[in-house]
Amino acid sequence: MEREQLKKTLKSLHQELESQQAVDSELTELLVSLDEDIHHLINQSSEAPQKATTIEAAETLASRFAASHPRAEAILQEIVALLGRMGV
């Protein structure tokens, strides 16, 4: 259940950012990396350090989006919460 919700939330994040033209290349790269990490966690068991790093990356991105992309920030916060509920 949580995995499906996480996939839907990631899709929402992608849709939100595609509708925004002002996402710089550094943030785009960080988002791609986060997306890959989350998909890896969804599809396989991973070591705890990678899980902690993934959550930290999502929190960092959320704070960077807070002023310029509040909707993306809210979606990232939801992703952090979902990862937490999944025991990540």
C-alpha atoms as a PDB file:
ATOM      1  CA  MET A   1       0.000   0.000   0.000  1.00  0.00           C
ATOM      2  CA  GLU A   2       2.683   2.511   1.018  1.00  0.00           C
ATOM      3  CA  ARG A   3       4.831   1.546  -1.972  1.00  0.00           C
ATOM      4  CA  GLU A   4       2.013   2.307  -4.404  1.00  0.00           C
ATOM      5  CA  GLN A   5       1.316   5.614  -2.675  1.00  0.00           C
ATOM      6  CA  LEU A   6       5.008   6.478  -2.865  1.00  0.00           C
ATOM      7  CA  LYS A   7       5.046   5.743  -6.602  1.00  0.00           C
ATOM      8  CA  LYS A   8       1.977   7.953  -7.100  1.00  0.00           C
ATOM      9  CA  THR A   9       3.543  10.732  -5.057  1.00  0.00           C
ATOM     10  CA  LEU A  10       6.766  10.560  -7.075  1.00  0.00           C
ATOM     11  CA  LYS A  11       4.687  10.824 -10.237  1.00  0.00           C
ATOM     12  CA  SER A  12       2.940  13.897  -8.791  1.00  0.00           C
ATOM     13  CA  LEU A  13       6.328  15.458  -8.060  1.00  0.00           C
ATOM     14  CA  HIS A  14       7.465  14.871 -11.636  1.00  0.00           C
ATOM     15  CA  GLN A  15       4.249  16.365 -13.007  1.00  0.00           C
ATOM     16  CA  GLU A  16       4.554  19.399 -10.744  1.00  0.00           C
ATOM     17  CA  LEU A  17       8.133  20.054 -11.766  1.00  0.00           C
ATOM     18  CA  GLU A  18       7.404  19.538 -15.458  1.00  0.00           C
ATOM     19  CA  SER A  19       4.823  22.300 -15.204  1.00  0.00           C
ATOM     20  CA  GLN A  20       7.450  24.637 -13.706  1.00  0.00           C
ATOM     21  CA  GLN A  21      10.040  26.124 -16.008  1.00  0.00           C
ATOM     22  CA  ALA A  22      12.365  27.512 -13.327  1.00  0.00           C
ATOM     23  CA  VAL A  23      14.023  24.373 -11.966  1.00  0.00           C
ATOM     24  CA  ASP A  24      17.788  24.690 -12.341  1.00  0.00           C
ATOM     25  CA  SER A  25      20.020  21.896 -13.589  1.00  0.00           C
ATOM     26  CA  GLU A  26      21.551  21.199 -10.163  1.00  0.00           C
ATOM     27  CA  LEU A  27      18.146  20.603  -8.586  1.00  0.00           C
ATOM     28  CA  THR A  28      17.104  18.511 -11.571  1.00  0.00           C
ATOM     29  CA  GLU A  29      20.164  16.284 -11.099  1.00  0.00           C
ATOM     30  CA  LEU A  30      19.458  15.948  -7.381  1.00  0.00           C
ATOM     31  CA  LEU A  31      15.845  15.014  -8.098  1.00  0.00           C
ATOM     32  CA  VAL A  32      16.880  12.384 -10.635  1.00  0.00           C
ATOM     33  CA  SER A  33      19.284  10.889  -8.103  1.00  0.00           C
ATOM     34  CA  LEU A  34      16.609  10.908  -5.389  1.00  0.00           C
ATOM     35  CA  ASP A  35      14.116   9.283  -7.745  1.00  0.00           C
ATOM     36  CA  GLU A  36      16.602   6.520  -8.581  1.00  0.00           C
ATOM     37  CA  ASP A  37      17.381   5.947  -4.893  1.00  0.00           C
ATOM     38  CA  ILE A  38      13.701   5.720  -3.984  1.00  0.00           C
ATOM     39  CA  HIS A  39      12.963   3.290  -6.805  1.00  0.00           C
ATOM     40  CA  HIS A  40      15.907   1.181  -5.668  1.00  0.00           C
ATOM     41  CA  LEU A  41      14.520   1.142  -2.111  1.00  0.00           C
ATOM     42  CA  ILE A  42      11.040   0.250  -3.345  1.00  0.00           C
ATOM     43  CA  ASN A  43      12.259  -2.649  -5.453  1.00  0.00           C
ATOM     44  CA  GLN A  44      14.917  -4.132  -3.174  1.00  0.00           C
ATOM     45  CA  SER A  45      16.002  -4.426   0.392  1.00  0.00           C
ATOM     46  CA  SER A  46      18.769  -1.954   1.105  1.00  0.00           C
ATOM     47  CA  GLU A  47      21.153  -1.192   3.876  1.00  0.00           C
ATOM     48  CA  ALA A  48      20.060   1.322   6.514  1.00  0.00           C
ATOM     49  CA  PRO A  49      22.714   3.940   5.628  1.00  0.00           C
ATOM     50  CA  GLN A  50      21.319   4.261   2.102  1.00  0.00           C
ATOM     51  CA  LYS A  51      17.811   4.595   3.514  1.00  0.00           C
ATOM     52  CA  ALA A  52      18.917   7.362   5.850  1.00  0.00           C
ATOM     53  CA  THR A  53      20.735   9.118   2.999  1.00  0.00           C
ATOM     54  CA  THR A  54      17.619   8.951   0.823  1.00  0.00           C
ATOM     55  CA  ILE A  55      15.467  10.538   3.516  1.00  0.00           C
ATOM     56  CA  GLU A  56      18.095  13.219   4.136  1.00  0.00           C
ATOM     57  CA  ALA A  57      18.265  13.961   0.402  1.00  0.00           C
ATOM     58  CA  ALA A  58      14.475  14.328   0.206  1.00  0.00           C
ATOM     59  CA  GLU A  59      14.453  16.649   3.224  1.00  0.00           C
ATOM     60  CA  THR A  60      17.267  18.756   1.762  1.00  0.00           C
ATOM     61  CA  LEU A  61      15.472  19.086  -1.565  1.00  0.00           C
ATOM     62  CA  ALA A  62      12.237  19.997   0.200  1.00  0.00           C
ATOM     63  CA  SER A  63      13.951  22.834   2.039  1.00  0.00           C
ATOM     64  CA  ARG A  64      15.581  24.077  -1.180  1.00  0.00           C
ATOM     65  CA  PHE A  65      12.203  24.137  -2.933  1.00  0.00           C
ATOM     66  CA  ALA A  66      10.368  25.828  -0.039  1.00  0.00           C
ATOM     67  CA  ALA A  67      10.515  29.393  -1.336  1.00  0.00           C
ATOM     68  CA  SER A  68      10.496  28.914  -5.086  1.00  0.00           C
ATOM     69  CA  HIS A  69       8.299  25.819  -5.482  1.00  0.00           C
ATOM     70  CA  PRO A  70       6.035  25.401  -2.435  1.00  0.00           C
ATOM     71  CA  ARG A  71       3.928  22.676  -4.069  1.00  0.00           C
ATOM     72  CA  ALA A  72       7.032  20.609  -4.874  1.00  0.00           C
ATOM     73  CA  GLU A  73       8.210  21.126  -1.297  1.00  0.00           C
ATOM     74  CA  ALA A  74       4.905  19.778   0.037  1.00  0.00           C
ATOM     75  CA  ILE A  75       5.138  16.729  -2.225  1.00  0.00           C
ATOM     76  CA  LEU A  76       8.708  16.056  -1.071  1.00  0.00           C
ATOM     77  CA  GLN A  77       7.580  16.298   2.558  1.00  0.00           C
ATOM     78  CA  GLU A  78       4.901  13.735   1.753  1.00  0.00           C
ATOM     79  CA  ILE A  79       7.576  11.480   0.261  1.00  0.00           C
ATOM     80  CA  VAL A  80       9.643  11.798   3.447  1.00  0.00           C
ATOM     81  CA  ALA A  81       6.590  10.849   5.522  1.00  0.00           C
ATOM     82  CA  LEU A  82       5.822   7.856   3.306  1.00  0.00           C
ATOM     83  CA  LEU A  83       9.407   6.632   3.537  1.00  0.00           C
ATOM     84  CA  GLY A  84       9.189   6.949   7.299  1.00  0.00           C
ATOM     85  CA  ARG A  85       5.968   4.936   7.446  1.00  0.00           C
ATOM     86  CA  MET A  86       7.595   2.280   5.275  1.00  0.00           C
ATOM     87  CA  GLY A  87      10.382   1.961   7.831  1.00  0.00           C
ATOM     88  CA  VAL A  88      12.925   3.516   5.536  1.00  0.00           C
END
